[in-house]
């Protein structure tokens, strides 16, 4: 085989043989020569690795040569193009017509035209950009151009849905009827705002309201009277407060205070509490019935107002 040993004192060794080499005795002179040659080669390689590469020195004259090849600087007259005012056909830019032409936005124009050409529900055009760049004006110009060459669409109006406020009702009207309908509704609302208060202050309305309230009070008074009789039969009196109905025990024809109640014996207090527990369900039932009467009366008054308003509208 062939090895190439490179270095300061590089040399080439040919160690090729067809037959396997015989072992060499260490005492022969030939073996000593090979060992000396290997040591010399190793020393030369170590010295080459420690030495630094030589960097060529650049003189000042050589470095300054490329500067002489730079082009000469241009004069102001060579880079300035004067535009004579005689070339303008206007005095100020205010005389020029406003242009909404999109510059260097070919893809945007194609997208807008494609979106406008799709005449199916569920497709929309989304326009994004910095505020004040004329997005709305450009889209309005496109829509005006398309609408001028298209059939005028019908009017669509949205009505308030009282049963489902979050889902307004959409109604289709003939072209131009939407504005007429809006004006008619505005006139109707204005009239109702003046006519309904007058109707609610009429004598007939007040008589009807008084009838409902009087009937309600009579019914509640009867229930209260029945509860008083029941409480009296159990040696109690009832008292209406802001917190509800209060039950007060009676002893020897006199209502007991908290101090008097505290002076009673254990047996008397047990007897009173037993009767109170029998009376409490009746008190709760009375309160429930009173709430029902009040709700029914309020519903009747609402229906009365609705009927009067309906008569005015129709």
C-alpha atoms as a PDB file:
ATOM      1  CA  UNK A   1       0.000   0.000   0.000  1.00  0.00           C
ATOM      2  CA  UNK A   2       0.926   3.659  -0.391  1.00  0.00           C
ATOM      3  CA  UNK A   3       0.979   6.386   2.271  1.00  0.00           C
ATOM      4  CA  UNK A   4       1.555  10.077   1.681  1.00  0.00           C
ATOM      5  CA  UNK A   5       2.985  11.920   4.684  1.00  0.00           C
ATOM      6  CA  UNK A   6       2.830  15.679   4.194  1.00  0.00           C
ATOM      7  CA  UNK A   7       4.557  18.340   6.243  1.00  0.00           C
ATOM      8  CA  UNK A   8       7.524  20.638   6.257  1.00  0.00           C
ATOM      9  CA  UNK A   9       9.789  17.806   5.416  1.00  0.00           C
ATOM     10  CA  UNK A  10       7.218  15.675   3.615  1.00  0.00           C
ATOM     11  CA  UNK A  11       8.192  12.490   1.957  1.00  0.00           C
ATOM     12  CA  UNK A  12       6.573   9.522   0.266  1.00  0.00           C
ATOM     13  CA  UNK A  13       6.872   5.982   1.512  1.00  0.00           C
ATOM     14  CA  UNK A  14       6.101   3.019  -0.698  1.00  0.00           C
ATOM     15  CA  UNK A  15       5.349  -0.005   1.457  1.00  0.00           C
ATOM     16  CA  UNK A  16       3.940  -2.229  -1.220  1.00  0.00           C
ATOM     17  CA  UNK A  17       4.566  -5.931  -1.475  1.00  0.00           C
ATOM     18  CA  UNK A  18       2.855  -8.867  -3.071  1.00  0.00           C
ATOM     19  CA  UNK A  19       3.914 -11.209  -0.282  1.00  0.00           C
ATOM     20  CA  UNK A  20       3.305 -10.666   3.394  1.00  0.00           C
ATOM     21  CA  UNK A  21       6.253  -8.976   5.022  1.00  0.00           C
ATOM     22  CA  UNK A  22       8.520 -11.075   7.130  1.00  0.00           C
ATOM     23  CA  UNK A  23       9.091 -10.074  10.730  1.00  0.00           C
ATOM     24  CA  UNK A  24      12.062  -7.765  11.016  1.00  0.00           C
ATOM     25  CA  UNK A  25      14.511  -8.197  13.788  1.00  0.00           C
ATOM     26  CA  UNK A  26      15.020  -5.189  15.999  1.00  0.00           C
ATOM     27  CA  UNK A  27      18.810  -5.458  15.897  1.00  0.00           C
ATOM     28  CA  UNK A  28      19.207  -5.096  12.093  1.00  0.00           C
ATOM     29  CA  UNK A  29      20.532  -1.855  10.677  1.00  0.00           C
ATOM     30  CA  UNK A  30      17.609  -1.605   8.230  1.00  0.00           C
ATOM     31  CA  UNK A  31      15.099  -1.534  11.117  1.00  0.00           C
ATOM     32  CA  UNK A  32      17.002   1.281  12.798  1.00  0.00           C
ATOM     33  CA  UNK A  33      16.855   3.350   9.642  1.00  0.00           C
ATOM     34  CA  UNK A  34      13.075   2.967   9.450  1.00  0.00           C
ATOM     35  CA  UNK A  35      12.688   4.002  13.088  1.00  0.00           C
ATOM     36  CA  UNK A  36      14.810   7.109  12.539  1.00  0.00           C
ATOM     37  CA  UNK A  37      12.779   7.987   9.454  1.00  0.00           C
ATOM     38  CA  UNK A  38       9.468   7.683  11.396  1.00  0.00           C
ATOM     39  CA  UNK A  39      10.762   9.884  14.221  1.00  0.00           C
ATOM     40  CA  UNK A  40      11.901  12.529  11.765  1.00  0.00           C
ATOM     41  CA  UNK A  41       8.530  12.494  10.012  1.00  0.00           C
ATOM     42  CA  UNK A  42       6.614  12.801  13.338  1.00  0.00           C
ATOM     43  CA  UNK A  43       8.784  15.726  14.421  1.00  0.00           C
ATOM     44  CA  UNK A  44       8.227  17.518  11.130  1.00  0.00           C
ATOM     45  CA  UNK A  45       4.433  17.092  11.410  1.00  0.00           C
ATOM     46  CA  UNK A  46       4.369  18.495  14.974  1.00  0.00           C
ATOM     47  CA  UNK A  47       6.391  21.509  13.944  1.00  0.00           C
ATOM     48  CA  UNK A  48       4.018  22.171  11.012  1.00  0.00           C
ATOM     49  CA  UNK A  49       0.906  22.065  13.248  1.00  0.00           C
ATOM     50  CA  UNK A  50       2.411  24.605  15.667  1.00  0.00           C
ATOM     51  CA  UNK A  51       3.422  27.066  12.984  1.00  0.00           C
ATOM     52  CA  UNK A  52       0.893  29.813  12.054  1.00  0.00           C
ATOM     53  CA  UNK A  53      -0.207  30.374   8.449  1.00  0.00           C
ATOM     54  CA  UNK A  54       1.413  33.244   6.741  1.00  0.00           C
ATOM     55  CA  UNK A  55      -0.922  36.197   6.097  1.00  0.00           C
ATOM     56  CA  UNK A  56      -0.101  38.286   3.066  1.00  0.00           C
ATOM     57  CA  UNK A  57       0.534  41.946   3.874  1.00  0.00           C
ATOM     58  CA  UNK A  58      -1.551  44.535   1.995  1.00  0.00           C
ATOM     59  CA  UNK A  59       0.175  47.806   1.389  1.00  0.00           C
ATOM     60  CA  UNK A  60      -1.574  51.212   1.452  1.00  0.00           C
ATOM     61  CA  UNK A  61      -1.025  51.615  -2.224  1.00  0.00           C
ATOM     62  CA  UNK A  62      -2.675  48.303  -3.040  1.00  0.00           C
ATOM     63  CA  UNK A  63      -5.747  49.034  -0.825  1.00  0.00           C
ATOM     64  CA  UNK A  64      -6.341  52.440  -2.330  1.00  0.00           C
ATOM     65  CA  UNK A  65      -6.403  51.182  -5.898  1.00  0.00           C
ATOM     66  CA  UNK A  66     -10.180  50.223  -5.992  1.00  0.00           C
ATOM     67  CA  UNK A  67     -11.214  53.766  -4.907  1.00  0.00           C
ATOM     68  CA  UNK A  68      -9.827  55.188  -8.103  1.00  0.00           C
ATOM     69  CA  UNK A  69     -12.289  53.040 -10.106  1.00  0.00           C
ATOM     70  CA  UNK A  70     -15.515  54.465  -8.440  1.00  0.00           C
ATOM     71  CA  UNK A  71     -17.819  56.481 -10.739  1.00  0.00           C
ATOM     72  CA  UNK A  72     -17.835  60.195 -10.431  1.00  0.00           C
ATOM     73  CA  UNK A  73     -20.645  61.763  -8.325  1.00  0.00           C
ATOM     74  CA  UNK A  74     -23.673  63.089 -10.213  1.00  0.00           C
ATOM     75  CA  UNK A  75     -24.608  66.721 -10.279  1.00  0.00           C
ATOM     76  CA  UNK A  76     -27.946  68.035  -8.983  1.00  0.00           C
ATOM     77  CA  UNK A  77     -29.096  68.887 -12.486  1.00  0.00           C
ATOM     78  CA  UNK A  78     -28.558  65.274 -13.525  1.00  0.00           C
ATOM     79  CA  UNK A  79     -30.956  63.812 -10.894  1.00  0.00           C
ATOM     80  CA  UNK A  80     -33.613  66.562 -10.785  1.00  0.00           C
ATOM     81  CA  UNK A  81     -36.451  66.794 -13.310  1.00  0.00           C
ATOM     82  CA  UNK A  82     -38.294  70.090 -13.251  1.00  0.00           C
ATOM     83  CA  UNK A  83     -42.024  70.034 -14.024  1.00  0.00           C
ATOM     84  CA  UNK A  84     -43.221  73.299 -15.530  1.00  0.00           C
ATOM     85  CA  UNK A  85     -46.505  74.677 -14.152  1.00  0.00           C
ATOM     86  CA  UNK A  86     -47.658  75.314 -17.703  1.00  0.00           C
ATOM     87  CA  UNK A  87     -48.186  71.557 -18.047  1.00  0.00           C
ATOM     88  CA  UNK A  88     -51.032  71.618 -15.471  1.00  0.00           C
ATOM     89  CA  UNK A  89     -54.614  72.224 -16.593  1.00  0.00           C
ATOM     90  CA  UNK A  90     -55.806  73.204 -13.081  1.00  0.00           C
ATOM     91  CA  UNK A  91     -54.920  75.841 -10.531  1.00  0.00           C
ATOM     92  CA  UNK A  92     -55.298  73.775  -7.318  1.00  0.00           C
ATOM     93  CA  UNK A  93     -55.813  70.084  -6.589  1.00  0.00           C
ATOM     94  CA  UNK A  94     -59.320  70.919  -5.325  1.00  0.00           C
ATOM     95  CA  UNK A  95     -60.330  71.325  -8.977  1.00  0.00           C
ATOM     96  CA  UNK A  96     -59.480  67.683  -9.689  1.00  0.00           C
ATOM     97  CA  UNK A  97     -62.224  65.016  -9.473  1.00  0.00           C
ATOM     98  CA  UNK A  98     -62.021  62.579  -6.582  1.00  0.00           C
ATOM     99  CA  UNK A  99     -60.771  59.157  -7.592  1.00  0.00           C
ATOM    100  CA  UNK A 100     -61.322  55.946  -5.633  1.00  0.00           C
ATOM    101  CA  UNK A 101     -59.293  53.798  -7.977  1.00  0.00           C
ATOM    102  CA  UNK A 102     -57.382  51.028  -6.250  1.00  0.00           C
ATOM    103  CA  UNK A 103     -53.687  51.222  -7.090  1.00  0.00           C
ATOM    104  CA  UNK A 104     -51.535  48.070  -7.194  1.00  0.00           C
ATOM    105  CA  UNK A 105     -54.295  45.921  -5.698  1.00  0.00           C
ATOM    106  CA  UNK A 106     -55.179  43.649  -8.605  1.00  0.00           C
ATOM    107  CA  UNK A 107     -55.886  40.654  -6.359  1.00  0.00           C
ATOM    108  CA  UNK A 108     -58.183  42.747  -4.156  1.00  0.00           C
ATOM    109  CA  UNK A 109     -60.138  43.948  -7.200  1.00  0.00           C
ATOM    110  CA  UNK A 110     -60.498  40.381  -8.454  1.00  0.00           C
ATOM    111  CA  UNK A 111     -61.697  39.217  -5.029  1.00  0.00           C
ATOM    112  CA  UNK A 112     -64.317  41.990  -4.794  1.00  0.00           C
ATOM    113  CA  UNK A 113     -65.608  41.330  -8.310  1.00  0.00           C
ATOM    114  CA  UNK A 114     -65.758  37.612  -7.609  1.00  0.00           C
ATOM    115  CA  UNK A 115     -67.646  38.173  -4.348  1.00  0.00           C
ATOM    116  CA  UNK A 116     -70.155  40.475  -6.011  1.00  0.00           C
ATOM    117  CA  UNK A 117     -70.701  37.987  -8.823  1.00  0.00           C
ATOM    118  CA  UNK A 118     -71.829  35.253  -6.394  1.00  0.00           C
ATOM    119  CA  UNK A 119     -75.583  35.799  -6.124  1.00  0.00           C
ATOM    120  CA  UNK A 120     -76.275  33.214  -3.426  1.00  0.00           C
ATOM    121  CA  UNK A 121     -76.945  33.505   0.300  1.00  0.00           C
ATOM    122  CA  UNK A 122     -74.196  32.670   2.745  1.00  0.00           C
ATOM    123  CA  UNK A 123     -71.358  34.415   0.895  1.00  0.00           C
ATOM    124  CA  UNK A 124     -69.817  37.626   2.205  1.00  0.00           C
ATOM    125  CA  UNK A 125     -66.958  39.992   1.424  1.00  0.00           C
ATOM    126  CA  UNK A 126     -64.572  40.830   4.251  1.00  0.00           C
ATOM    127  CA  UNK A 127     -62.425  43.935   3.797  1.00  0.00           C
ATOM    128  CA  UNK A 128     -59.516  44.624   6.169  1.00  0.00           C
ATOM    129  CA  UNK A 129     -57.084  47.511   6.274  1.00  0.00           C
ATOM    130  CA  UNK A 130     -55.808  50.490   8.203  1.00  0.00           C
ATOM    131  CA  UNK A 131     -58.442  52.993   9.292  1.00  0.00           C
ATOM    132  CA  UNK A 132     -58.814  55.967   6.984  1.00  0.00           C
ATOM    133  CA  UNK A 133     -57.531  54.258   3.828  1.00  0.00           C
ATOM    134  CA  UNK A 134     -60.880  54.494   2.013  1.00  0.00           C
ATOM    135  CA  UNK A 135     -62.162  50.936   2.361  1.00  0.00           C
ATOM    136  CA  UNK A 136     -65.806  51.980   2.688  1.00  0.00           C
ATOM    137  CA  UNK A 137     -65.577  54.436  -0.208  1.00  0.00           C
ATOM    138  CA  UNK A 138     -64.049  51.846  -2.510  1.00  0.00           C
ATOM    139  CA  UNK A 139     -66.628  49.192  -1.663  1.00  0.00           C
ATOM    140  CA  UNK A 140     -69.450  51.704  -2.098  1.00  0.00           C
ATOM    141  CA  UNK A 141     -68.089  52.588  -5.543  1.00  0.00           C
ATOM    142  CA  UNK A 142     -68.013  48.926  -6.548  1.00  0.00           C
ATOM    143  CA  UNK A 143     -71.567  48.409  -5.277  1.00  0.00           C
ATOM    144  CA  UNK A 144     -72.823  51.450  -7.149  1.00  0.00           C
ATOM    145  CA  UNK A 145     -71.258  50.181 -10.358  1.00  0.00           C
ATOM    146  CA  UNK A 146     -72.776  46.725  -9.915  1.00  0.00           C
ATOM    147  CA  UNK A 147     -76.203  48.009  -8.897  1.00  0.00           C
ATOM    148  CA  UNK A 148     -76.361  50.300 -11.933  1.00  0.00           C
ATOM    149  CA  UNK A 149     -76.099  47.258 -14.194  1.00  0.00           C
ATOM    150  CA  UNK A 150     -78.281  44.931 -12.102  1.00  0.00           C
ATOM    151  CA  UNK A 151     -81.968  44.623 -11.327  1.00  0.00           C
ATOM    152  CA  UNK A 152     -83.033  46.668  -8.313  1.00  0.00           C
ATOM    153  CA  UNK A 153     -83.512  44.362  -5.295  1.00  0.00           C
ATOM    154  CA  UNK A 154     -86.629  44.392  -3.077  1.00  0.00           C
ATOM    155  CA  UNK A 155     -86.789  46.143   0.282  1.00  0.00           C
ATOM    156  CA  UNK A 156     -86.131  44.158   3.439  1.00  0.00           C
ATOM    157  CA  UNK A 157     -87.315  45.331   6.845  1.00  0.00           C
ATOM    158  CA  UNK A 158     -86.839  43.897  10.311  1.00  0.00           C
ATOM    159  CA  UNK A 159     -89.645  43.972  12.856  1.00  0.00           C
ATOM    160  CA  UNK A 160     -89.301  43.545  16.596  1.00  0.00           C
ATOM    161  CA  UNK A 161     -90.340  40.090  17.772  1.00  0.00           C
ATOM    162  CA  UNK A 162     -92.061  40.475  21.139  1.00  0.00           C
ATOM    163  CA  UNK A 163     -92.119  36.736  21.826  1.00  0.00           C
ATOM    164  CA  UNK A 164     -88.425  36.293  20.905  1.00  0.00           C
ATOM    165  CA  UNK A 165     -86.618  39.652  21.124  1.00  0.00           C
ATOM    166  CA  UNK A 166     -83.309  38.139  19.969  1.00  0.00           C
ATOM    167  CA  UNK A 167     -84.900  36.926  16.716  1.00  0.00           C
ATOM    168  CA  UNK A 168     -86.392  39.845  14.753  1.00  0.00           C
ATOM    169  CA  UNK A 169     -88.828  39.148  11.961  1.00  0.00           C
ATOM    170  CA  UNK A 170     -87.646  39.760   8.408  1.00  0.00           C
ATOM    171  CA  UNK A 171     -90.250  40.918   5.872  1.00  0.00           C
ATOM    172  CA  UNK A 172     -89.794  41.397   2.131  1.00  0.00           C
ATOM    173  CA  UNK A 173     -91.499  44.403   0.524  1.00  0.00           C
ATOM    174  CA  UNK A 174     -91.661  45.815  -2.962  1.00  0.00           C
ATOM    175  CA  UNK A 175     -88.934  48.191  -4.025  1.00  0.00           C
ATOM    176  CA  UNK A 176     -89.469  51.589  -2.407  1.00  0.00           C
ATOM    177  CA  UNK A 177     -92.130  50.397   0.069  1.00  0.00           C
ATOM    178  CA  UNK A 178     -89.654  50.102   2.939  1.00  0.00           C
ATOM    179  CA  UNK A 179     -89.240  53.867   3.370  1.00  0.00           C
ATOM    180  CA  UNK A 180     -93.002  54.401   3.137  1.00  0.00           C
ATOM    181  CA  UNK A 181     -93.618  51.769   5.787  1.00  0.00           C
ATOM    182  CA  UNK A 182     -91.016  53.334   8.071  1.00  0.00           C
ATOM    183  CA  UNK A 183     -92.608  56.774   7.799  1.00  0.00           C
ATOM    184  CA  UNK A 184     -96.059  55.315   8.483  1.00  0.00           C
ATOM    185  CA  UNK A 185     -94.803  53.557  11.614  1.00  0.00           C
ATOM    186  CA  UNK A 186     -93.101  56.716  12.870  1.00  0.00           C
ATOM    187  CA  UNK A 187     -96.367  58.632  12.432  1.00  0.00           C
ATOM    188  CA  UNK A 188     -98.321  55.875  14.206  1.00  0.00           C
ATOM    189  CA  UNK A 189     -95.946  55.805  17.186  1.00  0.00           C
ATOM    190  CA  UNK A 190     -96.115  59.567  17.493  1.00  0.00           C
ATOM    191  CA  UNK A 191     -99.918  59.452  17.549  1.00  0.00           C
ATOM    192  CA  UNK A 192    -100.029  56.626  20.092  1.00  0.00           C
ATOM    193  CA  UNK A 193     -97.741  58.494  22.464  1.00  0.00           C
ATOM    194  CA  UNK A 194    -100.303  61.249  22.725  1.00  0.00           C
ATOM    195  CA  UNK A 195    -103.562  59.258  22.461  1.00  0.00           C
ATOM    196  CA  UNK A 196    -102.809  56.385  24.868  1.00  0.00           C
ATOM    197  CA  UNK A 197    -102.070  58.596  27.921  1.00  0.00           C
ATOM    198  CA  UNK A 198    -105.326  60.470  27.289  1.00  0.00           C
ATOM    199  CA  UNK A 199    -107.262  57.200  27.128  1.00  0.00           C
ATOM    200  CA  UNK A 200    -105.663  55.924  30.351  1.00  0.00           C
ATOM    201  CA  UNK A 201    -106.827  59.060  32.155  1.00  0.00           C
ATOM    202  CA  UNK A 202    -110.407  58.749  30.995  1.00  0.00           C
ATOM    203  CA  UNK A 203    -113.284  58.194  33.409  1.00  0.00           C
ATOM    204  CA  UNK A 204    -114.170  54.810  31.940  1.00  0.00           C
ATOM    205  CA  UNK A 205    -110.649  53.508  32.462  1.00  0.00           C
ATOM    206  CA  UNK A 206    -110.452  54.788  36.039  1.00  0.00           C
ATOM    207  CA  UNK A 207    -113.820  53.196  36.861  1.00  0.00           C
ATOM    208  CA  UNK A 208    -112.672  49.862  35.475  1.00  0.00           C
ATOM    209  CA  UNK A 209    -109.413  50.038  37.450  1.00  0.00           C
ATOM    210  CA  UNK A 210    -111.254  50.912  40.656  1.00  0.00           C
ATOM    211  CA  UNK A 211    -113.589  47.983  40.130  1.00  0.00           C
ATOM    212  CA  UNK A 212    -110.703  45.514  39.833  1.00  0.00           C
ATOM    213  CA  UNK A 213    -108.893  46.952  42.857  1.00  0.00           C
ATOM    214  CA  UNK A 214    -112.068  47.058  44.981  1.00  0.00           C
ATOM    215  CA  UNK A 215    -112.892  43.451  44.166  1.00  0.00           C
ATOM    216  CA  UNK A 216    -109.351  42.416  45.020  1.00  0.00           C
ATOM    217  CA  UNK A 217    -109.389  44.263  48.356  1.00  0.00           C
ATOM    218  CA  UNK A 218    -112.762  42.786  49.310  1.00  0.00           C
ATOM    219  CA  UNK A 219    -111.483  39.291  48.655  1.00  0.00           C
ATOM    220  CA  UNK A 220    -108.324  39.883  50.706  1.00  0.00           C
ATOM    221  CA  UNK A 221    -110.347  41.433  53.545  1.00  0.00           C
ATOM    222  CA  UNK A 222    -112.562  38.351  53.719  1.00  0.00           C
ATOM    223  CA  UNK A 223    -109.515  36.071  53.879  1.00  0.00           C
ATOM    224  CA  UNK A 224    -107.997  38.201  56.620  1.00  0.00           C
ATOM    225  CA  UNK A 225    -111.240  38.140  58.602  1.00  0.00           C
ATOM    226  CA  UNK A 226    -111.410  34.352  58.368  1.00  0.00           C
ATOM    227  CA  UNK A 227    -107.810  34.105  59.575  1.00  0.00           C
ATOM    228  CA  UNK A 228    -108.563  36.389  62.538  1.00  0.00           C
ATOM    229  CA  UNK A 229    -111.468  34.170  63.584  1.00  0.00           C
ATOM    230  CA  UNK A 230    -109.289  31.082  63.355  1.00  0.00           C
ATOM    231  CA  UNK A 231    -106.514  32.726  65.376  1.00  0.00           C
ATOM    232  CA  UNK A 232    -108.992  33.867  68.044  1.00  0.00           C
ATOM    233  CA  UNK A 233    -110.232  30.315  68.436  1.00  0.00           C
ATOM    234  CA  UNK A 234    -106.672  29.297  69.290  1.00  0.00           C
ATOM    235  CA  UNK A 235    -106.115  32.221  71.721  1.00  0.00           C
ATOM    236  CA  UNK A 236    -104.073  34.261  69.239  1.00  0.00           C
ATOM    237  CA  UNK A 237    -104.379  37.563  67.455  1.00  0.00           C
ATOM    238  CA  UNK A 238    -102.742  38.353  64.132  1.00  0.00           C
ATOM    239  CA  UNK A 239    -100.980  41.537  63.178  1.00  0.00           C
ATOM    240  CA  UNK A 240     -99.985  42.576  59.650  1.00  0.00           C
ATOM    241  CA  UNK A 241     -96.446  43.993  59.418  1.00  0.00           C
ATOM    242  CA  UNK A 242     -93.958  44.729  56.663  1.00  0.00           C
ATOM    243  CA  UNK A 243     -92.331  41.376  57.345  1.00  0.00           C
ATOM    244  CA  UNK A 244     -95.645  39.535  57.002  1.00  0.00           C
ATOM    245  CA  UNK A 245     -98.273  38.216  59.417  1.00  0.00           C
ATOM    246  CA  UNK A 246     -97.273  38.060  63.087  1.00  0.00           C
ATOM    247  CA  UNK A 247     -99.075  35.775  65.553  1.00  0.00           C
ATOM    248  CA  UNK A 248     -99.371  37.044  69.158  1.00  0.00           C
ATOM    249  CA  UNK A 249    -100.622  34.769  71.977  1.00  0.00           C
ATOM    250  CA  UNK A 250    -103.509  35.926  74.210  1.00  0.00           C
ATOM    251  CA  UNK A 251    -103.883  35.014  77.884  1.00  0.00           C
ATOM    252  CA  UNK A 252    -106.859  36.078  80.025  1.00  0.00           C
ATOM    253  CA  UNK A 253    -108.065  38.386  77.247  1.00  0.00           C
ATOM    254  CA  UNK A 254    -104.728  40.231  77.031  1.00  0.00           C
ATOM    255  CA  UNK A 255    -102.057  39.906  74.354  1.00  0.00           C
ATOM    256  CA  UNK A 256     -98.714  38.835  75.736  1.00  0.00           C
ATOM    257  CA  UNK A 257     -95.491  40.725  75.220  1.00  0.00           C
ATOM    258  CA  UNK A 258     -92.117  39.017  74.983  1.00  0.00           C
ATOM    259  CA  UNK A 259     -91.491  39.894  78.615  1.00  0.00           C
ATOM    260  CA  UNK A 260     -94.827  38.419  79.691  1.00  0.00           C
ATOM    261  CA  UNK A 261     -94.152  35.333  77.628  1.00  0.00           C
ATOM    262  CA  UNK A 262     -90.830  34.850  79.381  1.00  0.00           C
ATOM    263  CA  UNK A 263     -92.514  34.841  82.786  1.00  0.00           C
ATOM    264  CA  UNK A 264     -94.830  31.952  81.877  1.00  0.00           C
ATOM    265  CA  UNK A 265     -94.221  28.464  83.114  1.00  0.00           C
ATOM    266  CA  UNK A 266     -92.735  25.760  80.967  1.00  0.00           C
ATOM    267  CA  UNK A 267     -96.118  24.073  80.553  1.00  0.00           C
ATOM    268  CA  UNK A 268     -97.914  27.263  79.474  1.00  0.00           C
ATOM    269  CA  UNK A 269     -95.248  28.032  76.886  1.00  0.00           C
ATOM    270  CA  UNK A 270     -95.467  24.491  75.539  1.00  0.00           C
ATOM    271  CA  UNK A 271     -99.247  24.822  75.184  1.00  0.00           C
ATOM    272  CA  UNK A 272     -98.937  28.166  73.379  1.00  0.00           C
ATOM    273  CA  UNK A 273     -96.301  26.871  70.959  1.00  0.00           C
ATOM    274  CA  UNK A 274     -98.454  23.858  70.171  1.00  0.00           C
ATOM    275  CA  UNK A 275    -101.368  26.102  69.198  1.00  0.00           C
ATOM    276  CA  UNK A 276     -98.995  28.352  67.219  1.00  0.00           C
ATOM    277  CA  UNK A 277     -97.756  25.391  65.194  1.00  0.00           C
ATOM    278  CA  UNK A 278    -101.389  24.634  64.284  1.00  0.00           C
ATOM    279  CA  UNK A 279    -101.979  28.243  63.233  1.00  0.00           C
ATOM    280  CA  UNK A 280     -98.804  28.765  61.171  1.00  0.00           C
ATOM    281  CA  UNK A 281     -99.921  26.693  58.127  1.00  0.00           C
ATOM    282  CA  UNK A 282    -103.104  28.769  57.911  1.00  0.00           C
ATOM    283  CA  UNK A 283    -101.052  31.969  58.009  1.00  0.00           C
ATOM    284  CA  UNK A 284     -98.819  30.728  55.186  1.00  0.00           C
ATOM    285  CA  UNK A 285    -101.864  29.730  53.148  1.00  0.00           C
ATOM    286  CA  UNK A 286    -103.333  33.205  53.646  1.00  0.00           C
ATOM    287  CA  UNK A 287    -100.111  34.845  52.400  1.00  0.00           C
ATOM    288  CA  UNK A 288    -100.057  32.579  49.336  1.00  0.00           C
ATOM    289  CA  UNK A 289    -103.660  33.442  48.468  1.00  0.00           C
ATOM    290  CA  UNK A 290    -102.993  37.175  48.873  1.00  0.00           C
ATOM    291  CA  UNK A 291    -100.045  36.984  46.453  1.00  0.00           C
ATOM    292  CA  UNK A 292    -102.238  35.167  43.966  1.00  0.00           C
ATOM    293  CA  UNK A 293    -104.952  37.830  44.239  1.00  0.00           C
ATOM    294  CA  UNK A 294    -102.414  40.626  43.685  1.00  0.00           C
ATOM    295  CA  UNK A 295    -100.969  38.883  40.631  1.00  0.00           C
ATOM    296  CA  UNK A 296    -104.411  38.262  39.164  1.00  0.00           C
ATOM    297  CA  UNK A 297    -105.372  41.902  39.696  1.00  0.00           C
ATOM    298  CA  UNK A 298    -102.154  43.105  38.013  1.00  0.00           C
ATOM    299  CA  UNK A 299    -102.810  40.813  35.036  1.00  0.00           C
ATOM    300  CA  UNK A 300    -106.352  42.148  34.701  1.00  0.00           C
ATOM    301  CA  UNK A 301    -105.086  45.729  34.730  1.00  0.00           C
ATOM    302  CA  UNK A 302    -102.496  44.885  32.051  1.00  0.00           C
ATOM    303  CA  UNK A 303    -105.183  43.333  29.864  1.00  0.00           C
ATOM    304  CA  UNK A 304    -107.346  46.405  30.386  1.00  0.00           C
ATOM    305  CA  UNK A 305    -104.542  48.710  29.221  1.00  0.00           C
ATOM    306  CA  UNK A 306    -103.767  46.443  26.258  1.00  0.00           C
ATOM    307  CA  UNK A 307    -107.408  46.410  25.172  1.00  0.00           C
ATOM    308  CA  UNK A 308    -107.612  50.197  25.294  1.00  0.00           C
ATOM    309  CA  UNK A 309    -104.363  50.530  23.310  1.00  0.00           C
ATOM    310  CA  UNK A 310    -105.609  47.982  20.766  1.00  0.00           C
ATOM    311  CA  UNK A 311    -108.807  49.953  20.282  1.00  0.00           C
ATOM    312  CA  UNK A 312    -106.786  53.093  19.601  1.00  0.00           C
ATOM    313  CA  UNK A 313    -104.443  51.353  17.138  1.00  0.00           C
ATOM    314  CA  UNK A 314    -107.224  49.680  15.176  1.00  0.00           C
END
